[in-house]
Amino acid sequence: MDPQPTTAVLLLNLGGPLRKRDVKPFLLELFRDRDIIRLGPALLQPLIARLIVASRLKTVQGRYAEIGGGSPILRETARQASGLRSALREAGFTGPVRLVFRYTSPRAMGVLESLKRSGVRELVPVTLYPHACRATTGSSLRELERLAPRFGMSLRPGLEAYATDEDYLDALEERLREALAQAPEATVVFSAHSLPQSQIDAGDPYEREIHATLEALASRLGPLPGGTRLGYQSKVGPVKWLEPSLESVLQTLAGRDVIVVPISFVGEHIETLHELDIEYRELAERLGIRRWIRVPAPGVHPAFLRCLTRGTLAALGA
């Protein structure tokens, strides 16, 4: 593959607060984004966001304190970027591979300013959200579409979803089978980040993509003794969200072993390390669930890195 020093690969993710003082600005950015959630009329959303953050700030800061004081998402995503960069170098791509977070540093504006100075003219986005969704990947892409022309850059089609990619499925399957070896009779609960129902009703493909992953995994795994379930986590705000909730699913599993698979996350962060490992584990104990096993996110699993590498090379035209 010919070197392309004027083309940069951008690895897209949500971001997260590194320290206690970063929690408030992170939450404000998150709740102001109408791609994520619509809180009343557009003109009032910044005010509503401030009110929500004020009411939740101490609680959320406490949750981050329980997982080490901040989110590990920067470290996790940097490891994935390093793995992808190495694989692309082996394939002959010599351009920059950079992180771009939506709500915390490194933000798109600063990254593009830096890339312009190094002569980059084309951007190839690579999402770390496996499932196509206008609220996550879509929001990041729209930000890049707005900013790229300011720096004389063009945004090329990239890797925007991989819900049924064989290498991505390999990573999920291998880690799930490792858990099933510990508890072969367990019920497998796939947990996905929820989304407001109104966004699905407006045509967002996210729910459909989640089910595509589950159907592909089911065909690989075959019938499981304990069966499988799907539950949605991370609901916030007063609007109707996707159902069933993870809590309602767990309420039906008293007396069983449960293996939880975070199906919509590819790295560890507050939704896995606190919600699943602390909050829902405690709920499971109260409900009488016998055993709780949480499958790690794909992280830098070799198969997942192959998924990212192959999709990126295809986007680069290699």
C-alpha atoms as a PDB file:
ATOM      1  CA  MET A   1       0.000   0.000   0.000  1.00  0.00           C
ATOM      2  CA  ASP A   2       1.325   3.439  -0.918  1.00  0.00           C
ATOM      3  CA  PRO A   3       2.080   5.820   1.949  1.00  0.00           C
ATOM      4  CA  GLN A   4      -0.659   8.402   2.523  1.00  0.00           C
ATOM      5  CA  PRO A   5       0.819  11.027   4.831  1.00  0.00           C
ATOM      6  CA  THR A   6      -1.940  13.472   3.916  1.00  0.00           C
ATOM      7  CA  THR A   7      -4.660  11.094   5.182  1.00  0.00           C
ATOM      8  CA  ALA A   8      -5.397  10.612   8.896  1.00  0.00           C
ATOM      9  CA  VAL A   9      -7.420   7.886  10.591  1.00  0.00           C
ATOM     10  CA  LEU A  10      -9.601   9.173  13.429  1.00  0.00           C
ATOM     11  CA  LEU A  11     -10.696   6.728  16.102  1.00  0.00           C
ATOM     12  CA  LEU A  12     -14.030   7.977  17.461  1.00  0.00           C
ATOM     13  CA  ASN A  13     -15.326   7.463  20.983  1.00  0.00           C
ATOM     14  CA  LEU A  14     -17.443   9.166  23.632  1.00  0.00           C
ATOM     15  CA  GLY A  15     -14.746  10.205  26.073  1.00  0.00           C
ATOM     16  CA  GLY A  16     -14.958  10.441  29.830  1.00  0.00           C
ATOM     17  CA  PRO A  17     -13.693  12.463  32.807  1.00  0.00           C
ATOM     18  CA  LEU A  18     -10.136  11.761  33.935  1.00  0.00           C
ATOM     19  CA  ARG A  19     -10.546  13.412  37.345  1.00  0.00           C
ATOM     20  CA  LYS A  20     -13.299  14.538  39.704  1.00  0.00           C
ATOM     21  CA  ARG A  21     -13.164  18.107  38.396  1.00  0.00           C
ATOM     22  CA  ASP A  22     -13.755  16.860  34.851  1.00  0.00           C
ATOM     23  CA  VAL A  23     -17.105  15.215  35.654  1.00  0.00           C
ATOM     24  CA  LYS A  24     -19.216  18.388  35.522  1.00  0.00           C
ATOM     25  CA  PRO A  25     -18.014  19.681  32.119  1.00  0.00           C
ATOM     26  CA  PHE A  26     -18.280  16.154  30.706  1.00  0.00           C
ATOM     27  CA  LEU A  27     -21.896  15.801  31.817  1.00  0.00           C
ATOM     28  CA  LEU A  28     -22.787  19.286  30.553  1.00  0.00           C
ATOM     29  CA  GLU A  29     -21.387  18.500  27.110  1.00  0.00           C
ATOM     30  CA  LEU A  30     -23.251  15.199  27.072  1.00  0.00           C
ATOM     31  CA  PHE A  31     -26.664  16.537  28.051  1.00  0.00           C
ATOM     32  CA  ARG A  32     -26.400  19.565  25.755  1.00  0.00           C
ATOM     33  CA  ASP A  33     -26.065  17.317  22.705  1.00  0.00           C
ATOM     34  CA  ARG A  34     -29.477  16.823  21.108  1.00  0.00           C
ATOM     35  CA  ASP A  35     -28.103  13.946  19.081  1.00  0.00           C
ATOM     36  CA  ILE A  36     -27.799  12.002  22.346  1.00  0.00           C
ATOM     37  CA  ILE A  37     -31.042  13.086  24.005  1.00  0.00           C
ATOM     38  CA  ARG A  38     -33.625  15.780  23.336  1.00  0.00           C
ATOM     39  CA  LEU A  39     -34.600  17.606  26.506  1.00  0.00           C
ATOM     40  CA  GLY A  40     -37.498  19.913  25.698  1.00  0.00           C
ATOM     41  CA  PRO A  41     -37.204  22.679  23.077  1.00  0.00           C
ATOM     42  CA  ALA A  42     -33.747  23.231  21.616  1.00  0.00           C
ATOM     43  CA  LEU A  43     -33.443  26.699  23.144  1.00  0.00           C
ATOM     44  CA  LEU A  44     -34.100  25.321  26.618  1.00  0.00           C
ATOM     45  CA  GLN A  45     -31.846  22.287  26.433  1.00  0.00           C
ATOM     46  CA  PRO A  46     -28.722  24.040  27.804  1.00  0.00           C
ATOM     47  CA  LEU A  47     -30.734  25.161  30.847  1.00  0.00           C
ATOM     48  CA  ILE A  48     -32.305  21.726  31.342  1.00  0.00           C
ATOM     49  CA  ALA A  49     -28.849  20.165  30.989  1.00  0.00           C
ATOM     50  CA  ARG A  50     -27.487  22.406  33.774  1.00  0.00           C
ATOM     51  CA  LEU A  51     -30.389  21.456  36.054  1.00  0.00           C
ATOM     52  CA  ILE A  52     -29.888  17.727  35.427  1.00  0.00           C
ATOM     53  CA  VAL A  53     -26.155  17.970  36.002  1.00  0.00           C
ATOM     54  CA  ALA A  54     -26.640  19.938  39.220  1.00  0.00           C
ATOM     55  CA  SER A  55     -28.960  17.251  40.556  1.00  0.00           C
ATOM     56  CA  ARG A  56     -26.717  14.334  39.562  1.00  0.00           C
ATOM     57  CA  LEU A  57     -23.207  15.707  39.974  1.00  0.00           C
ATOM     58  CA  LYS A  58     -22.304  14.401  43.439  1.00  0.00           C
ATOM     59  CA  THR A  59     -23.767  10.982  42.687  1.00  0.00           C
ATOM     60  CA  VAL A  60     -21.844  10.642  39.442  1.00  0.00           C
ATOM     61  CA  GLN A  61     -18.625  11.918  41.014  1.00  0.00           C
ATOM     62  CA  GLY A  62     -19.072   9.277  43.694  1.00  0.00           C
ATOM     63  CA  ARG A  63     -19.415   6.562  41.084  1.00  0.00           C
ATOM     64  CA  TYR A  64     -16.216   7.603  39.382  1.00  0.00           C
ATOM     65  CA  ALA A  65     -14.490   7.668  42.763  1.00  0.00           C
ATOM     66  CA  GLU A  66     -15.456   4.022  43.228  1.00  0.00           C
ATOM     67  CA  ILE A  67     -13.694   3.022  40.000  1.00  0.00           C
ATOM     68  CA  GLY A  68     -10.478   4.896  40.691  1.00  0.00           C
ATOM     69  CA  GLY A  69     -11.461   8.557  40.470  1.00  0.00           C
ATOM     70  CA  GLY A  70     -12.060   8.864  36.734  1.00  0.00           C
ATOM     71  CA  SER A  71     -12.822   7.030  33.530  1.00  0.00           C
ATOM     72  CA  PRO A  72     -10.206   4.679  32.042  1.00  0.00           C
ATOM     73  CA  ILE A  73     -11.608   5.310  28.557  1.00  0.00           C
ATOM     74  CA  LEU A  74      -8.634   7.414  27.406  1.00  0.00           C
ATOM     75  CA  ARG A  75      -6.182   4.702  28.393  1.00  0.00           C
ATOM     76  CA  GLU A  76      -8.383   1.959  26.936  1.00  0.00           C
ATOM     77  CA  THR A  77      -8.911   3.754  23.630  1.00  0.00           C
ATOM     78  CA  ALA A  78      -5.222   4.677  23.363  1.00  0.00           C
ATOM     79  CA  ARG A  79      -4.341   0.977  23.589  1.00  0.00           C
ATOM     80  CA  GLN A  80      -6.805   0.217  20.800  1.00  0.00           C
ATOM     81  CA  ALA A  81      -5.372   3.045  18.705  1.00  0.00           C
ATOM     82  CA  SER A  82      -1.865   1.710  19.269  1.00  0.00           C
ATOM     83  CA  GLY A  83      -2.903  -1.759  18.132  1.00  0.00           C
ATOM     84  CA  LEU A  84      -4.650  -0.388  15.065  1.00  0.00           C
ATOM     85  CA  ARG A  85      -1.715   1.903  14.237  1.00  0.00           C
ATOM     86  CA  SER A  86       0.752  -0.980  14.373  1.00  0.00           C
ATOM     87  CA  ALA A  87      -1.402  -3.130  12.109  1.00  0.00           C
ATOM     88  CA  LEU A  88      -1.857  -0.305   9.612  1.00  0.00           C
ATOM     89  CA  ARG A  89       1.882   0.362   9.572  1.00  0.00           C
ATOM     90  CA  GLU A  90       2.476  -3.293   8.710  1.00  0.00           C
ATOM     91  CA  ALA A  91       0.042  -2.861   5.819  1.00  0.00           C
ATOM     92  CA  GLY A  92       1.922   0.207   4.553  1.00  0.00           C
ATOM     93  CA  PHE A  93      -0.244   3.076   5.821  1.00  0.00           C
ATOM     94  CA  THR A  94       1.989   5.821   7.240  1.00  0.00           C
ATOM     95  CA  GLY A  95      -0.553   8.522   8.064  1.00  0.00           C
ATOM     96  CA  PRO A  96      -1.530   9.616  11.575  1.00  0.00           C
ATOM     97  CA  VAL A  97      -3.911   7.515  13.680  1.00  0.00           C
ATOM     98  CA  ARG A  98      -5.501   9.817  16.261  1.00  0.00           C
ATOM     99  CA  LEU A  99      -8.199   9.665  18.926  1.00  0.00           C
ATOM    100  CA  VAL A 100     -11.178  12.018  18.747  1.00  0.00           C
ATOM    101  CA  PHE A 101     -13.553  12.083  21.711  1.00  0.00           C
ATOM    102  CA  ARG A 102     -16.950  13.698  21.472  1.00  0.00           C
ATOM    103  CA  TYR A 103     -17.267  15.185  24.972  1.00  0.00           C
ATOM    104  CA  THR A 104     -13.778  15.304  26.508  1.00  0.00           C
ATOM    105  CA  SER A 105     -10.219  15.837  25.315  1.00  0.00           C
ATOM    106  CA  PRO A 106      -8.900  15.071  22.747  1.00  0.00           C
ATOM    107  CA  ARG A 107     -11.701  16.966  21.009  1.00  0.00           C
ATOM    108  CA  ALA A 108     -12.117  17.254  17.265  1.00  0.00           C
ATOM    109  CA  MET A 109     -11.190  20.939  17.026  1.00  0.00           C
ATOM    110  CA  GLY A 110      -7.786  20.500  18.639  1.00  0.00           C
ATOM    111  CA  VAL A 111      -7.004  17.303  16.774  1.00  0.00           C
ATOM    112  CA  LEU A 112      -7.844  18.834  13.396  1.00  0.00           C
ATOM    113  CA  GLU A 113      -5.762  21.928  14.162  1.00  0.00           C
ATOM    114  CA  SER A 114      -2.791  19.679  14.882  1.00  0.00           C
ATOM    115  CA  LEU A 115      -3.356  17.540  11.786  1.00  0.00           C
ATOM    116  CA  LYS A 116      -3.590  20.606   9.542  1.00  0.00           C
ATOM    117  CA  ARG A 117      -0.134  21.692  10.690  1.00  0.00           C
ATOM    118  CA  SER A 118       1.228  18.287   9.670  1.00  0.00           C
ATOM    119  CA  GLY A 119      -0.273  18.551   6.173  1.00  0.00           C
ATOM    120  CA  VAL A 120      -3.302  16.263   6.536  1.00  0.00           C
ATOM    121  CA  ARG A 121      -6.054  16.923   4.000  1.00  0.00           C
ATOM    122  CA  GLU A 122      -8.296  13.846   4.297  1.00  0.00           C
ATOM    123  CA  LEU A 123      -9.937  12.251   7.332  1.00  0.00           C
ATOM    124  CA  VAL A 124     -11.079   8.636   7.608  1.00  0.00           C
ATOM    125  CA  PRO A 125     -13.301   8.056  10.668  1.00  0.00           C
ATOM    126  CA  VAL A 126     -13.281   4.703  12.500  1.00  0.00           C
ATOM    127  CA  THR A 127     -15.962   4.281  15.126  1.00  0.00           C
ATOM    128  CA  LEU A 128     -15.632   2.482  18.441  1.00  0.00           C
ATOM    129  CA  TYR A 129     -19.398   2.030  18.554  1.00  0.00           C
ATOM    130  CA  PRO A 130     -20.106  -1.362  16.924  1.00  0.00           C
ATOM    131  CA  HIS A 131     -23.719  -0.571  16.068  1.00  0.00           C
ATOM    132  CA  ALA A 132     -24.842   2.155  13.680  1.00  0.00           C
ATOM    133  CA  CYS A 133     -26.502   4.892  15.707  1.00  0.00           C
ATOM    134  CA  ARG A 134     -27.246   8.516  14.967  1.00  0.00           C
ATOM    135  CA  ALA A 135     -26.808   9.426  18.637  1.00  0.00           C
ATOM    136  CA  THR A 136     -23.232   8.163  18.953  1.00  0.00           C
ATOM    137  CA  THR A 137     -21.279   7.669  15.730  1.00  0.00           C
ATOM    138  CA  GLY A 138     -23.719  10.002  13.988  1.00  0.00           C
ATOM    139  CA  SER A 139     -23.052  12.830  16.434  1.00  0.00           C
ATOM    140  CA  SER A 140     -19.271  12.479  16.038  1.00  0.00           C
ATOM    141  CA  LEU A 141     -19.529  12.382  12.256  1.00  0.00           C
ATOM    142  CA  ARG A 142     -21.716  15.468  12.129  1.00  0.00           C
ATOM    143  CA  GLU A 143     -19.175  17.325  14.250  1.00  0.00           C
ATOM    144  CA  LEU A 144     -16.387  16.318  11.853  1.00  0.00           C
ATOM    145  CA  GLU A 145     -18.510  17.321   8.861  1.00  0.00           C
ATOM    146  CA  ARG A 146     -18.918  20.788  10.371  1.00  0.00           C
ATOM    147  CA  LEU A 147     -15.272  21.240  11.295  1.00  0.00           C
ATOM    148  CA  ALA A 148     -13.348  19.619   8.437  1.00  0.00           C
ATOM    149  CA  PRO A 149     -14.035  22.376   5.853  1.00  0.00           C
ATOM    150  CA  ARG A 150     -12.691  25.011   8.253  1.00  0.00           C
ATOM    151  CA  PHE A 151      -9.297  23.317   8.038  1.00  0.00           C
ATOM    152  CA  GLY A 152      -9.416  22.641   4.305  1.00  0.00           C
ATOM    153  CA  MET A 153     -10.020  18.934   4.902  1.00  0.00           C
ATOM    154  CA  SER A 154     -12.443  16.425   3.451  1.00  0.00           C
ATOM    155  CA  LEU A 155     -14.192  13.704   5.429  1.00  0.00           C
ATOM    156  CA  ARG A 156     -14.095  10.378   3.635  1.00  0.00           C
ATOM    157  CA  PRO A 157     -16.384   7.399   4.294  1.00  0.00           C
ATOM    158  CA  GLY A 158     -14.875   5.265   7.028  1.00  0.00           C
ATOM    159  CA  LEU A 159     -15.680   2.332   9.273  1.00  0.00           C
ATOM    160  CA  GLU A 160     -19.003   3.346  10.775  1.00  0.00           C
ATOM    161  CA  ALA A 161     -20.406   0.034  12.131  1.00  0.00           C
ATOM    162  CA  TYR A 162     -19.519  -3.647  12.314  1.00  0.00           C
ATOM    163  CA  ALA A 163     -22.436  -5.323  14.073  1.00  0.00           C
ATOM    164  CA  THR A 164     -22.001  -8.613  12.210  1.00  0.00           C
ATOM    165  CA  ASP A 165     -18.326  -8.479  11.296  1.00  0.00           C
ATOM    166  CA  GLU A 166     -16.854 -11.974  11.673  1.00  0.00           C
ATOM    167  CA  ASP A 167     -13.774 -10.832  13.607  1.00  0.00           C
ATOM    168  CA  TYR A 168     -15.856  -8.698  15.955  1.00  0.00           C
ATOM    169  CA  LEU A 169     -18.114 -11.700  16.551  1.00  0.00           C
ATOM    170  CA  ASP A 170     -15.046 -13.886  17.134  1.00  0.00           C
ATOM    171  CA  ALA A 171     -13.933 -11.603  19.961  1.00  0.00           C
ATOM    172  CA  LEU A 172     -17.377 -11.662  21.583  1.00  0.00           C
ATOM    173  CA  GLU A 173     -17.787 -15.404  21.147  1.00  0.00           C
ATOM    174  CA  GLU A 174     -14.380 -16.330  22.555  1.00  0.00           C
ATOM    175  CA  ARG A 175     -14.839 -14.336  25.740  1.00  0.00           C
ATOM    176  CA  LEU A 176     -18.391 -15.596  26.185  1.00  0.00           C
ATOM    177  CA  ARG A 177     -17.309 -19.210  25.785  1.00  0.00           C
ATOM    178  CA  GLU A 178     -14.642 -18.671  28.434  1.00  0.00           C
ATOM    179  CA  ALA A 179     -17.389 -17.547  30.825  1.00  0.00           C
ATOM    180  CA  LEU A 180     -19.662 -20.443  29.855  1.00  0.00           C
ATOM    181  CA  ALA A 181     -16.849 -22.834  30.708  1.00  0.00           C
ATOM    182  CA  GLN A 182     -17.110 -21.541  34.291  1.00  0.00           C
ATOM    183  CA  ALA A 183     -20.927 -21.691  34.452  1.00  0.00           C
ATOM    184  CA  PRO A 184     -22.299 -23.871  31.622  1.00  0.00           C
ATOM    185  CA  GLU A 185     -25.908 -23.717  32.892  1.00  0.00           C
ATOM    186  CA  ALA A 186     -25.949 -19.941  33.221  1.00  0.00           C
ATOM    187  CA  THR A 187     -28.431 -17.648  31.535  1.00  0.00           C
ATOM    188  CA  VAL A 188     -26.555 -15.294  29.212  1.00  0.00           C
ATOM    189  CA  VAL A 189     -27.789 -11.716  29.474  1.00  0.00           C
ATOM    190  CA  PHE A 190     -26.672  -9.381  26.708  1.00  0.00           C
ATOM    191  CA  SER A 191     -26.641  -5.802  27.986  1.00  0.00           C
ATOM    192  CA  ALA A 192     -26.768  -2.863  25.581  1.00  0.00           C
ATOM    193  CA  HIS A 193     -26.707   0.862  26.231  1.00  0.00           C
ATOM    194  CA  SER A 194     -30.264   2.129  25.977  1.00  0.00           C
ATOM    195  CA  LEU A 195     -31.557   4.835  23.639  1.00  0.00           C
ATOM    196  CA  PRO A 196     -34.689   6.995  23.827  1.00  0.00           C
ATOM    197  CA  GLN A 197     -37.567   5.209  22.114  1.00  0.00           C
ATOM    198  CA  SER A 198     -38.372   8.391  20.188  1.00  0.00           C
ATOM    199  CA  GLN A 199     -35.047   8.110  18.350  1.00  0.00           C
ATOM    200  CA  ILE A 200     -35.810   4.541  17.310  1.00  0.00           C
ATOM    201  CA  ASP A 201     -39.287   5.616  16.178  1.00  0.00           C
ATOM    202  CA  ALA A 202     -37.623   8.336  14.065  1.00  0.00           C
ATOM    203  CA  GLY A 203     -35.644   5.690  12.181  1.00  0.00           C
ATOM    204  CA  ASP A 204     -32.416   5.224  14.139  1.00  0.00           C
ATOM    205  CA  PRO A 205     -30.978   1.796  13.183  1.00  0.00           C
ATOM    206  CA  TYR A 206     -29.475   1.076  16.617  1.00  0.00           C
ATOM    207  CA  GLU A 207     -32.023  -1.429  17.936  1.00  0.00           C
ATOM    208  CA  ARG A 208     -32.023  -3.294  14.638  1.00  0.00           C
ATOM    209  CA  GLU A 209     -28.225  -3.449  14.709  1.00  0.00           C
ATOM    210  CA  ILE A 210     -28.190  -4.823  18.265  1.00  0.00           C
ATOM    211  CA  HIS A 211     -30.522  -7.627  17.235  1.00  0.00           C
ATOM    212  CA  ALA A 212     -28.359  -8.350  14.190  1.00  0.00           C
ATOM    213  CA  THR A 213     -25.372  -8.965  16.476  1.00  0.00           C
ATOM    214  CA  LEU A 214     -27.417 -11.201  18.758  1.00  0.00           C
ATOM    215  CA  GLU A 215     -28.795 -13.232  15.869  1.00  0.00           C
ATOM    216  CA  ALA A 216     -25.307 -13.700  14.431  1.00  0.00           C
ATOM    217  CA  LEU A 217     -23.983 -14.835  17.809  1.00  0.00           C
ATOM    218  CA  ALA A 218     -26.938 -17.182  18.321  1.00  0.00           C
ATOM    219  CA  SER A 219     -26.182 -18.937  15.049  1.00  0.00           C
ATOM    220  CA  ARG A 220     -22.599 -19.490  16.235  1.00  0.00           C
ATOM    221  CA  LEU A 221     -23.412 -20.575  19.777  1.00  0.00           C
ATOM    222  CA  GLY A 222     -26.421 -22.763  19.143  1.00  0.00           C
ATOM    223  CA  PRO A 223     -28.938 -23.463  21.935  1.00  0.00           C
ATOM    224  CA  LEU A 224     -27.611 -22.695  25.424  1.00  0.00           C
ATOM    225  CA  PRO A 225     -28.883 -24.614  28.467  1.00  0.00           C
ATOM    226  CA  GLY A 226     -29.722 -21.435  30.385  1.00  0.00           C
ATOM    227  CA  GLY A 227     -31.009 -19.496  27.400  1.00  0.00           C
ATOM    228  CA  THR A 228     -30.312 -15.872  26.538  1.00  0.00           C
ATOM    229  CA  ARG A 229     -31.888 -12.496  27.298  1.00  0.00           C
ATOM    230  CA  LEU A 230     -31.403  -8.898  26.169  1.00  0.00           C
ATOM    231  CA  GLY A 231     -31.631  -5.956  28.545  1.00  0.00           C
ATOM    232  CA  TYR A 232     -30.909  -2.242  28.122  1.00  0.00           C
ATOM    233  CA  GLN A 233     -28.872  -0.240  30.641  1.00  0.00           C
ATOM    234  CA  SER A 234     -27.816   3.377  31.271  1.00  0.00           C
ATOM    235  CA  LYS A 235     -31.222   5.004  30.993  1.00  0.00           C
ATOM    236  CA  VAL A 236     -31.216   8.616  32.169  1.00  0.00           C
ATOM    237  CA  GLY A 237     -33.861  11.335  32.096  1.00  0.00           C
ATOM    238  CA  PRO A 238     -37.656  11.279  32.078  1.00  0.00           C
ATOM    239  CA  VAL A 239     -38.297  10.099  28.503  1.00  0.00           C
ATOM    240  CA  LYS A 240     -39.278   6.567  27.406  1.00  0.00           C
ATOM    241  CA  TRP A 241     -36.268   4.377  26.633  1.00  0.00           C
ATOM    242  CA  LEU A 242     -35.751   1.053  24.900  1.00  0.00           C
ATOM    243  CA  GLU A 243     -37.112  -1.980  26.722  1.00  0.00           C
ATOM    244  CA  PRO A 244     -36.755  -4.361  28.415  1.00  0.00           C
ATOM    245  CA  SER A 245     -34.555  -2.722  31.007  1.00  0.00           C
ATOM    246  CA  LEU A 246     -31.691  -4.772  32.385  1.00  0.00           C
ATOM    247  CA  GLU A 247     -33.222  -4.481  35.846  1.00  0.00           C
ATOM    248  CA  SER A 248     -36.516  -6.013  34.718  1.00  0.00           C
ATOM    249  CA  VAL A 249     -34.665  -8.874  33.026  1.00  0.00           C
ATOM    250  CA  LEU A 250     -32.673  -9.658  36.163  1.00  0.00           C
ATOM    251  CA  GLN A 251     -35.846  -9.758  38.233  1.00  0.00           C
ATOM    252  CA  THR A 252     -36.837 -12.937  36.354  1.00  0.00           C
ATOM    253  CA  LEU A 253     -33.576 -14.804  37.043  1.00  0.00           C
ATOM    254  CA  ALA A 254     -33.552 -15.475  40.787  1.00  0.00           C
ATOM    255  CA  GLY A 255     -31.742 -18.674  41.701  1.00  0.00           C
ATOM    256  CA  ARG A 256     -29.784 -18.850  38.443  1.00  0.00           C
ATOM    257  CA  ASP A 257     -26.218 -18.253  37.387  1.00  0.00           C
ATOM    258  CA  VAL A 258     -26.022 -15.207  35.121  1.00  0.00           C
ATOM    259  CA  ILE A 259     -23.353 -14.268  32.588  1.00  0.00           C
ATOM    260  CA  VAL A 260     -23.589 -10.626  31.514  1.00  0.00           C
ATOM    261  CA  VAL A 261     -22.151  -9.626  28.137  1.00  0.00           C
ATOM    262  CA  PRO A 262     -21.838  -5.854  27.457  1.00  0.00           C
ATOM    263  CA  ILE A 263     -22.786  -6.113  23.795  1.00  0.00           C
ATOM    264  CA  SER A 264     -22.600  -2.426  22.776  1.00  0.00           C
ATOM    265  CA  PHE A 265     -19.292  -1.493  24.430  1.00  0.00           C
ATOM    266  CA  VAL A 266     -15.805  -2.291  23.105  1.00  0.00           C
ATOM    267  CA  GLY A 267     -13.854  -0.961  26.107  1.00  0.00           C
ATOM    268  CA  GLU A 268     -14.141  -0.614  29.862  1.00  0.00           C
ATOM    269  CA  HIS A 269     -15.636   2.539  31.357  1.00  0.00           C
ATOM    270  CA  ILE A 270     -18.256   3.654  33.872  1.00  0.00           C
ATOM    271  CA  GLU A 271     -21.083   1.653  32.268  1.00  0.00           C
ATOM    272  CA  THR A 272     -19.158  -1.590  32.653  1.00  0.00           C
ATOM    273  CA  LEU A 273     -16.957  -0.971  35.700  1.00  0.00           C
ATOM    274  CA  HIS A 274     -19.608   0.677  37.852  1.00  0.00           C
ATOM    275  CA  GLU A 275     -23.048  -0.057  36.426  1.00  0.00           C
ATOM    276  CA  LEU A 276     -22.448  -3.723  35.675  1.00  0.00           C
ATOM    277  CA  ASP A 277     -19.699  -4.591  38.149  1.00  0.00           C
ATOM    278  CA  ILE A 278     -21.099  -2.729  41.158  1.00  0.00           C
ATOM    279  CA  GLU A 279     -24.699  -1.537  40.762  1.00  0.00           C
ATOM    280  CA  TYR A 280     -26.197  -4.470  38.880  1.00  0.00           C
ATOM    281  CA  ARG A 281     -24.063  -7.006  40.729  1.00  0.00           C
ATOM    282  CA  GLU A 282     -25.494  -5.698  44.010  1.00  0.00           C
ATOM    283  CA  LEU A 283     -28.994  -5.816  42.530  1.00  0.00           C
ATOM    284  CA  ALA A 284     -28.394  -9.405  41.418  1.00  0.00           C
ATOM    285  CA  GLU A 285     -27.413 -10.364  44.964  1.00  0.00           C
ATOM    286  CA  ARG A 286     -30.570  -8.760  46.371  1.00  0.00           C
ATOM    287  CA  LEU A 287     -32.684 -10.576  43.795  1.00  0.00           C
ATOM    288  CA  GLY A 288     -31.204 -13.936  44.714  1.00  0.00           C
ATOM    289  CA  ILE A 289     -29.209 -14.520  41.566  1.00  0.00           C
ATOM    290  CA  ARG A 290     -26.789 -17.287  42.455  1.00  0.00           C
ATOM    291  CA  ARG A 291     -23.703 -16.280  40.510  1.00  0.00           C
ATOM    292  CA  TRP A 292     -22.787 -13.152  38.528  1.00  0.00           C
ATOM    293  CA  ILE A 293     -20.111 -13.314  35.826  1.00  0.00           C
ATOM    294  CA  ARG A 294     -19.395 -10.273  33.683  1.00  0.00           C
ATOM    295  CA  VAL A 295     -17.651 -10.833  30.350  1.00  0.00           C
ATOM    296  CA  PRO A 296     -14.908  -8.262  29.569  1.00  0.00           C
ATOM    297  CA  ALA A 297     -15.387  -5.870  26.668  1.00  0.00           C
ATOM    298  CA  PRO A 298     -13.378  -6.691  23.504  1.00  0.00           C
ATOM    299  CA  GLY A 299     -10.645  -4.144  24.340  1.00  0.00           C
ATOM    300  CA  VAL A 300      -7.498  -5.151  22.454  1.00  0.00           C
ATOM    301  CA  HIS A 301      -8.584  -8.706  21.729  1.00  0.00           C
ATOM    302  CA  PRO A 302      -6.672  -9.728  18.573  1.00  0.00           C
ATOM    303  CA  ALA A 303      -9.878 -10.532  16.690  1.00  0.00           C
ATOM    304  CA  PHE A 304     -11.349  -7.122  17.489  1.00  0.00           C
ATOM    305  CA  LEU A 305      -8.175  -5.389  16.318  1.00  0.00           C
ATOM    306  CA  ARG A 306      -8.413  -7.420  13.106  1.00  0.00           C
ATOM    307  CA  CYS A 307     -11.970  -6.146  12.666  1.00  0.00           C
ATOM    308  CA  LEU A 308     -10.844  -2.535  13.019  1.00  0.00           C
ATOM    309  CA  THR A 309      -7.793  -3.045  10.808  1.00  0.00           C
ATOM    310  CA  ARG A 310      -9.614  -4.741   7.964  1.00  0.00           C
ATOM    311  CA  GLY A 311     -12.427  -2.198   7.996  1.00  0.00           C
ATOM    312  CA  THR A 312     -10.003   0.715   8.098  1.00  0.00           C
ATOM    313  CA  LEU A 313      -7.913  -0.638   5.239  1.00  0.00           C
ATOM    314  CA  ALA A 314     -11.072  -1.112   3.173  1.00  0.00           C
ATOM    315  CA  ALA A 315     -12.025   2.516   3.843  1.00  0.00           C
ATOM    316  CA  LEU A 316      -8.520   3.620   2.850  1.00  0.00           C
ATOM    317  CA  GLY A 317      -8.873   1.695  -0.416  1.00  0.00           C
ATOM    318  CA  ALA A 318      -6.120  -0.794   0.411  1.00  0.00           C
END
